[in-house]
Protein backbone atom coordinates (compact mmCIF):
# COMPACT_ATOMS: atom_id res chain seq x y z
CA MET A 1 147.04 234.85 -21.35
CA ALA A 2 144.32 236.77 -19.26
CA ALA A 3 142.32 239.53 -20.93
CA ARG A 4 142.61 242.94 -20.00
CA ALA A 5 140.78 246.28 -20.35
CA PRO A 6 141.82 249.95 -20.61
CA ALA A 7 142.76 251.35 -17.09
CA GLY A 8 139.94 252.95 -15.65
CA ARG A 9 137.61 252.06 -18.27
CA ALA A 10 133.84 251.38 -17.02
CA ALA A 11 133.02 247.44 -17.52
CA PRO A 12 130.27 245.03 -16.83
CA VAL A 13 130.30 242.42 -13.53
CA GLY A 14 129.42 239.65 -15.94
CA ARG A 15 131.67 237.47 -17.68
CA VAL A 16 134.58 240.90 -18.46
CA LEU A 17 135.36 241.56 -14.76
CA ALA A 18 134.88 238.24 -13.31
CA ARG A 19 137.45 237.31 -15.96
CA LEU A 20 139.72 240.02 -15.30
CA ALA A 21 139.99 239.12 -11.85
CA GLY A 22 140.10 235.60 -12.26
CA ALA A 23 137.17 234.52 -9.96
CA ARG A 24 133.87 233.26 -10.31
CA GLN A 25 130.88 236.04 -11.09
CA PRO A 26 128.94 235.52 -7.68
CA GLN A 27 132.64 236.26 -5.83
CA THR A 28 133.00 239.31 -8.21
CA THR A 29 129.84 240.62 -7.90
CA LYS A 30 130.30 240.62 -3.72
CA HIS A 31 133.40 242.41 -3.98
CA LEU A 32 132.39 245.03 -6.17
CA GLN A 33 129.32 245.43 -3.83
CA THR A 34 131.61 246.00 -1.26
CA LEU A 35 133.77 248.70 -3.04
CA GLU A 36 130.50 250.28 -3.87
CA ARG A 37 129.87 250.59 -0.33
CA ALA A 38 133.10 251.93 0.20
CA GLY A 39 132.73 254.76 -2.31
CA VAL A 40 135.48 253.52 -4.35
CA VAL A 41 133.59 252.52 -7.50
CA THR A 42 129.91 253.44 -8.77
CA SER A 43 127.54 251.14 -10.61
CA GLN A 44 124.22 251.58 -12.85
CA ARG A 45 122.18 249.07 -14.66
CA THR A 46 122.08 249.03 -18.61
CA GLY A 47 119.52 246.32 -19.96
CA GLN A 48 120.51 243.13 -18.33
CA ARG A 49 124.28 244.51 -17.36
CA ARG A 50 125.38 246.14 -14.17
CA VAL A 51 128.25 248.36 -15.35
CA TYR A 52 130.68 249.48 -12.61
CA ALA A 53 133.33 252.50 -12.65
CA LEU A 54 136.23 253.55 -10.57
CA ARG A 55 135.60 256.82 -8.80
CA PRO A 56 139.10 258.86 -9.01
CA GLY A 57 138.74 260.93 -5.82
CA PRO A 58 138.62 258.09 -3.44
CA LEU A 59 141.44 255.97 -5.55
CA ARG A 60 143.63 259.28 -5.31
CA ASP A 61 142.75 259.50 -1.06
CA LEU A 62 143.86 255.77 -0.67
CA ALA A 63 147.10 256.69 -2.94
CA ALA A 64 147.81 259.23 -0.65
CA ALA A 65 146.99 257.42 2.67
CA LEU A 66 149.04 254.44 1.38
CA GLY A 67 152.07 256.81 0.58
CA ARG A 68 151.88 258.38 4.33
CA LEU A 69 151.70 254.63 5.50
CA ALA A 70 154.85 253.84 3.72
CA ASP A 71 156.77 256.85 4.57
CA ALA A 72 155.72 256.09 8.47
CA THR A 73 157.13 252.26 7.88
CA GLU A 74 160.47 253.69 6.27
CA ARG A 75 161.29 256.24 9.17
CA ALA A 76 164.10 255.45 11.45
CA GLU A 77 161.92 254.36 14.27
CA GLY A 78 158.76 253.34 12.07
CA PRO A 79 157.01 250.29 12.37
CA GLN A 80 159.35 248.14 10.15
CA ALA A 81 162.25 249.44 11.60
CA VAL A 82 161.26 248.33 15.10
CA PHE A 83 160.07 245.06 13.82
CA ASP A 84 163.25 244.34 12.28
CA ARG A 85 165.27 245.18 15.07
CA TYR A 86 163.18 243.31 17.44
CA GLY A 87 163.81 240.14 15.05
CA LEU A 88 167.06 240.64 14.71
CA SER A 89 167.47 240.98 18.92
CA MET A 90 165.25 237.62 19.30
CA GLY A 91 167.89 236.15 17.31
CA THR A 92 170.80 236.95 19.39
CA GLU A 93 168.85 236.19 23.02
CA ARG A 94 168.18 233.03 21.69
CA LEU A 95 171.47 231.74 20.89
CA ALA A 96 172.69 233.42 24.17
CA ALA A 97 169.86 231.43 26.17
CA GLU A 98 171.25 228.09 25.08
CA GLU A 99 173.63 228.96 27.56
CA GLY A 100 171.13 227.43 30.21
CA ALA A 101 169.47 229.13 33.13
CA GLY A 102 170.83 232.42 34.42
CA TRP A 103 171.90 233.36 31.02
CA ALA A 104 171.01 237.01 31.23
CA ASP A 105 171.48 237.43 34.92
CA GLY A 106 173.22 240.83 35.63
CA ARG A 107 172.20 242.34 32.52
CA SER A 108 171.36 245.89 32.81
CA PHE A 109 169.56 248.60 31.06
CA GLY A 110 169.34 252.45 31.47
CA PHE A 111 166.59 254.80 30.28
CA HIS A 112 166.17 258.58 30.83
CA ARG A 113 163.27 260.89 29.91
CA ALA A 114 163.03 264.80 30.29
CA LEU A 115 159.21 265.10 31.14
CA ALA A 116 157.21 268.04 30.84
CA GLY A 117 155.18 267.65 33.98
CA ASP A 118 156.08 268.19 37.92
CA SER A 119 157.30 265.36 40.08
CA GLU A 120 153.78 264.96 41.57
CA THR A 121 152.03 264.75 38.40
CA VAL A 122 154.84 262.47 37.19
CA TRP A 123 154.56 260.30 40.69
CA ARG A 124 150.93 259.92 39.69
CA HIS A 125 151.27 258.47 36.38
CA LEU A 126 153.98 256.11 37.41
CA THR A 127 151.67 254.97 40.49
CA GLU A 128 148.10 255.58 39.98
CA ALA A 129 146.29 252.53 38.28
CA SER A 130 144.02 254.24 35.93
CA LEU A 131 146.99 256.84 34.60
CA LEU A 132 149.53 253.79 34.34
CA ALA A 133 147.27 251.72 32.46
CA ARG A 134 147.67 254.62 29.65
CA TRP A 135 150.95 254.24 28.91
CA TRP A 136 152.50 250.94 30.59
CA THR A 137 152.79 248.75 27.66
CA PRO A 138 154.45 248.94 24.28
CA GLU A 139 152.82 250.47 21.46
CA SER A 140 151.19 247.02 20.01
CA LEU A 141 149.56 246.25 23.73
CA ARG A 142 147.28 247.56 25.75
CA THR A 143 146.76 247.20 29.80
CA SER A 144 143.46 245.12 30.41
CA GLU A 145 144.09 244.22 34.18
CA LEU A 146 146.41 246.40 36.51
CA VAL A 147 146.89 246.15 40.30
CA PHE A 148 149.72 248.39 41.58
CA GLU A 149 150.00 249.20 45.55
CA ALA A 150 152.23 252.05 45.99
CA ARG A 151 153.80 251.33 48.79
CA PRO A 152 156.84 249.11 50.28
CA GLY A 153 155.34 245.24 50.12
CA GLY A 154 152.42 246.45 47.66
CA ARG A 155 151.26 243.91 45.12
CA ILE A 156 151.67 244.53 41.14
CA LEU A 157 149.60 242.89 38.92
CA GLN A 158 149.55 243.59 34.89
CA GLU A 159 147.64 241.47 32.38
CA TYR A 160 147.94 242.59 28.75
CA ARG A 161 146.80 242.15 25.47
CA GLU A 162 146.91 242.99 21.76
CA ALA A 163 145.91 246.78 21.32
CA GLU A 164 143.15 245.74 18.49
CA ASP A 165 141.55 243.24 21.03
CA THR A 166 139.21 246.29 22.48
CA ASP A 167 136.63 243.70 23.68
CA GLY A 168 138.77 241.30 25.47
CA SER A 169 137.55 238.47 22.86
CA GLU A 170 141.13 237.16 22.22
CA PRO A 171 143.27 235.18 24.64
CA VAL A 172 145.86 237.20 26.86
CA VAL A 173 149.15 237.78 25.67
CA GLY A 174 150.82 238.10 28.66
CA ARG A 175 150.72 238.64 32.58
CA ALA A 176 153.39 239.81 34.95
CA GLU A 177 153.56 240.02 38.77
CA GLY A 178 155.78 241.76 41.14
CA VAL A 179 156.22 243.77 44.71
CA VAL A 180 157.05 247.37 45.20
CA GLU A 181 160.29 247.45 47.67
CA GLU A 182 160.62 251.36 47.81
CA ALA A 183 157.77 254.39 47.42
CA ALA A 184 159.42 257.75 48.30
CA PRO A 185 156.34 260.05 46.64
CA GLY A 186 157.81 262.30 43.68
CA GLU A 187 161.37 261.00 44.64
CA ARG A 188 161.82 257.30 44.01
CA LEU A 189 160.14 254.18 43.16
CA VAL A 190 161.87 250.93 43.26
CA TYR A 191 160.06 247.63 42.37
CA ARG A 192 160.60 243.55 41.27
CA LEU A 193 158.38 242.37 38.21
CA SER A 194 158.39 238.86 36.68
CA PRO A 195 156.82 238.32 33.34
CA LEU A 196 154.80 234.91 33.42
CA LEU A 197 155.53 232.32 31.09
CA PRO A 198 152.29 230.15 29.77
CA ASP A 199 152.94 227.45 32.41
CA GLY A 200 152.60 230.38 35.06
CA GLY A 201 156.28 230.65 36.15
CA PRO A 202 158.37 233.33 36.02
CA ALA A 203 160.36 234.29 32.90
CA PHE A 204 162.95 236.50 34.88
CA THR A 205 162.72 239.01 37.36
CA ALA A 206 163.06 242.24 36.66
CA HIS A 207 164.91 245.01 39.22
CA VAL A 208 163.24 248.52 38.33
CA ALA A 209 164.49 251.45 40.12
CA ILE A 210 163.15 255.00 39.01
CA THR A 211 164.35 258.02 40.30
CA LEU A 212 162.89 261.59 39.96
CA ARG A 213 164.38 264.92 39.82
CA PRO A 214 162.61 268.63 39.33
CA THR A 215 164.25 270.56 36.80
CA GLY A 216 163.29 273.81 35.32
CA ALA A 217 161.27 272.60 32.50
CA GLY A 218 159.74 269.92 34.42
CA THR A 219 161.06 266.81 35.83
CA ASP A 220 164.30 264.24 34.99
CA LEU A 221 163.24 260.49 34.99
CA ASP A 222 166.01 257.77 35.06
CA VAL A 223 165.38 254.01 34.85
CA GLY A 224 167.61 251.27 36.18
CA TYR A 225 166.75 248.01 34.98
CA LEU A 226 168.32 244.96 36.35
CA ILE A 227 167.54 241.19 35.20
CA THR A 228 168.11 238.10 37.48
CA ASP A 229 166.61 234.71 37.70
CA SER A 230 166.39 234.42 34.09
CA THR A 231 165.01 231.14 32.34
CA VAL A 232 165.85 229.75 28.92
CA GLU A 233 162.47 230.37 27.99
CA SER A 234 163.05 234.35 28.48
CA ALA A 235 164.98 234.96 25.49
CA ASP A 236 162.10 236.53 23.64
CA PHE A 237 161.07 238.71 26.88
CA VAL A 238 164.74 239.90 27.29
CA ALA A 239 164.99 240.69 23.47
CA GLY A 240 162.09 243.20 23.78
CA ILE A 241 163.18 244.96 26.83
CA GLU A 242 165.08 247.92 25.12
CA ILE A 243 162.05 248.28 22.76
CA GLY A 244 159.34 247.81 24.29
CA PHE A 245 160.25 249.65 27.68
CA GLY A 246 161.58 252.38 25.42
CA GLN A 247 158.18 252.93 23.78
CA SER A 248 156.52 252.75 27.25
CA LEU A 249 158.55 255.59 28.25
CA ASP A 250 157.85 257.59 25.03
CA GLN A 251 154.11 257.22 25.54
CA LEU A 252 154.31 258.52 29.29
CA ALA A 253 156.33 261.63 27.84
CA ALA A 254 153.42 262.08 25.45
CA ARG A 255 150.58 261.58 27.92
CA ILE A 256 152.24 263.96 30.67
CA ALA A 257 153.03 266.46 27.62
CA ALA A 258 149.61 266.58 26.78
CA ASP A 259 148.17 267.16 30.02
CA ALA A 260 150.74 269.72 31.10
CA PRO A 261 149.64 273.21 31.15
CA ASP A 262 150.84 275.76 28.46
CA THR A 263 153.65 277.71 30.25
CA GLY A 264 154.80 279.46 26.98
CA SER A 265 157.81 277.69 27.40
CA THR A 266 158.66 274.56 25.59
CA ALA A 267 160.00 271.55 27.73
CA SER A 268 162.94 269.49 26.76
CA THR A 269 161.96 266.26 25.03
CA ASP A 270 165.11 264.94 25.39
CA ARG A 271 165.20 260.76 25.51
CA ARG A 272 168.19 258.62 25.95
CA SER A 273 168.36 254.61 26.45
CA SER A 274 171.45 252.56 27.05
CA TRP A 275 171.53 251.91 23.50
CA ASP A 276 172.21 255.31 22.71
CA ASP A 277 175.68 255.41 23.87
């Protein structure tokens, strides 16, 4: 049975802490030095020994931070719930894709958001690349390259990476290409967009129609999303549409709300998508 020391008691790094950690002394020393730089432990030399002791303040801060993280993970739309829901959706869609090419053709989704900005502001966030790049991916990703020509026949190109890959050192997560079909500023935007498979071919084609309607509190945004040309390999893409596009629209709403002037009234935060019905 491994030896144990009373909780919180100072101990030397030599045989005592190394034995308790189940590691060699040099490894234990390196870990303790890292913890000391982080402020979690403190040390002092006594003769030939270096004795380490825990600092209670940072431990309490860490416990509180872990508690908040656990609460966020457990909430209804927290990371764990989203992860689990996406996993279930992938299993369902992969099974459906066994039907062969075209298995998801005709599948449609609907999204609604009540936004705080006027239709001109919303339109700019939908069509200007610098603004579009701030919200047009799920929370775990970031747009690394974007072309959006807001005119009929205009080209669309989106490249996205992991959100943590800020320097672009990791491989690209995905790309999508498309074309704008209709662009009526402040009113309606229609485009086709195809996520690309690793071999460069389209996974499916998304036909997206966005309608804007001014309201007393801002702008109502409604999105129709239709799938055609679905390949067997598109199952994982299709599984993430409701979650991913919904997260993107939530980020759009947050961006517009943050930029909106304070008018003394609270704009509606209504959010509705096809799976809420």
